[in-house]
Amino acid sequence: MDNNPWQRAQAQLKSAASHIELDPLTLLRLENPDRIVEVSLPMKMDDGSVQSV
C-alpha cells in the first residue's frame, strides 16, 4: 500500500463502507469533502531548532 496518508484513509473508508453496506451516495459524499483544514505547528526540536510539522 502507498505511504500517502490521504490514500490510506480513502482505502480504509472504502473497506469500512463495504462492511457496513454504506449507501453509495453517502460514501461519495465522504470521499469528496467540501473543505479541508490544514494546520502547521512549530515544534522546538531537541537540538534547539524550530521546525514546522
C-alpha atoms as a PDB file:
ATOM      1  CA  MET A   1       0.000   0.000   0.000  1.00  0.00           C
ATOM      2  CA  ASP A   2       1.134   3.536  -0.701  1.00  0.00           C
ATOM      3  CA  ASN A   3       2.552   5.628   2.138  1.00  0.00           C
ATOM      4  CA  ASN A   4       0.283   8.591   1.337  1.00  0.00           C
ATOM      5  CA  PRO A   5      -1.981   9.297   4.364  1.00  0.00           C
ATOM      6  CA  TRP A   6      -4.853  10.564   2.187  1.00  0.00           C
ATOM      7  CA  GLN A   7      -4.813   7.444   0.013  1.00  0.00           C
ATOM      8  CA  ARG A   8      -4.613   5.175   3.078  1.00  0.00           C
ATOM      9  CA  ALA A   9      -7.606   6.956   4.614  1.00  0.00           C
ATOM     10  CA  GLN A  10      -9.577   6.594   1.363  1.00  0.00           C
ATOM     11  CA  ALA A  11      -8.799   2.849   1.238  1.00  0.00           C
ATOM     12  CA  GLN A  12      -9.854   2.400   4.871  1.00  0.00           C
ATOM     13  CA  LEU A  13     -13.077   4.316   4.232  1.00  0.00           C
ATOM     14  CA  LYS A  14     -13.943   2.132   1.241  1.00  0.00           C
ATOM     15  CA  SER A  15     -13.171  -1.017   3.206  1.00  0.00           C
ATOM     16  CA  ALA A  16     -15.324   0.054   6.156  1.00  0.00           C
ATOM     17  CA  ALA A  17     -18.147   1.156   3.847  1.00  0.00           C
ATOM     18  CA  SER A  18     -18.264  -2.278   2.223  1.00  0.00           C
ATOM     19  CA  HIS A  19     -18.533  -3.983   5.621  1.00  0.00           C
ATOM     20  CA  ILE A  20     -21.465  -1.856   6.787  1.00  0.00           C
ATOM     21  CA  GLU A  21     -23.186  -1.644   3.400  1.00  0.00           C
ATOM     22  CA  LEU A  22     -22.970   2.157   3.341  1.00  0.00           C
ATOM     23  CA  ASP A  23     -25.190   3.910   0.816  1.00  0.00           C
ATOM     24  CA  PRO A  24     -23.106   4.715  -2.301  1.00  0.00           C
ATOM     25  CA  LEU A  25     -24.165   8.380  -2.253  1.00  0.00           C
ATOM     26  CA  THR A  26     -23.081   8.723   1.376  1.00  0.00           C
ATOM     27  CA  LEU A  27     -19.728   7.135   0.527  1.00  0.00           C
ATOM     28  CA  LEU A  28     -19.291   9.541  -2.373  1.00  0.00           C
ATOM     29  CA  ARG A  29     -20.005  12.468  -0.046  1.00  0.00           C
ATOM     30  CA  LEU A  30     -17.447  11.222   2.491  1.00  0.00           C
ATOM     31  CA  GLU A  31     -14.822  10.651  -0.203  1.00  0.00           C
ATOM     32  CA  ASN A  32     -15.089  14.225  -1.520  1.00  0.00           C
ATOM     33  CA  PRO A  33     -15.152  16.740   1.344  1.00  0.00           C
ATOM     34  CA  ASP A  34     -16.253  20.343   0.774  1.00  0.00           C
ATOM     35  CA  ARG A  35     -13.471  21.715   2.956  1.00  0.00           C
ATOM     36  CA  ILE A  36     -10.089  20.624   4.200  1.00  0.00           C
ATOM     37  CA  VAL A  37      -8.439  22.239   7.216  1.00  0.00           C
ATOM     38  CA  GLU A  38      -4.652  22.202   7.265  1.00  0.00           C
ATOM     39  CA  VAL A  39      -2.530  23.417  10.149  1.00  0.00           C
ATOM     40  CA  SER A  40       1.171  23.883  10.709  1.00  0.00           C
ATOM     41  CA  LEU A  41       2.648  23.638  14.191  1.00  0.00           C
ATOM     42  CA  PRO A  42       6.084  24.996  15.025  1.00  0.00           C
ATOM     43  CA  MET A  43       7.904  22.408  17.146  1.00  0.00           C
ATOM     44  CA  LYS A  44      11.076  23.025  19.113  1.00  0.00           C
ATOM     45  CA  MET A  45      13.449  20.151  18.442  1.00  0.00           C
ATOM     46  CA  ASP A  46      15.908  18.614  20.925  1.00  0.00           C
ATOM     47  CA  ASP A  47      18.776  20.477  19.269  1.00  0.00           C
ATOM     48  CA  GLY A  48      17.021  23.829  19.826  1.00  0.00           C
ATOM     49  CA  SER A  49      15.959  24.362  16.225  1.00  0.00           C
ATOM     50  CA  VAL A  50      12.335  25.025  15.323  1.00  0.00           C
ATOM     51  CA  GLN A  51      10.588  23.084  12.562  1.00  0.00           C
ATOM     52  CA  SER A  52       7.036  23.327  11.293  1.00  0.00           C
ATOM     53  CA  VAL A  53       5.273  19.977  11.180  1.00  0.00           C
END
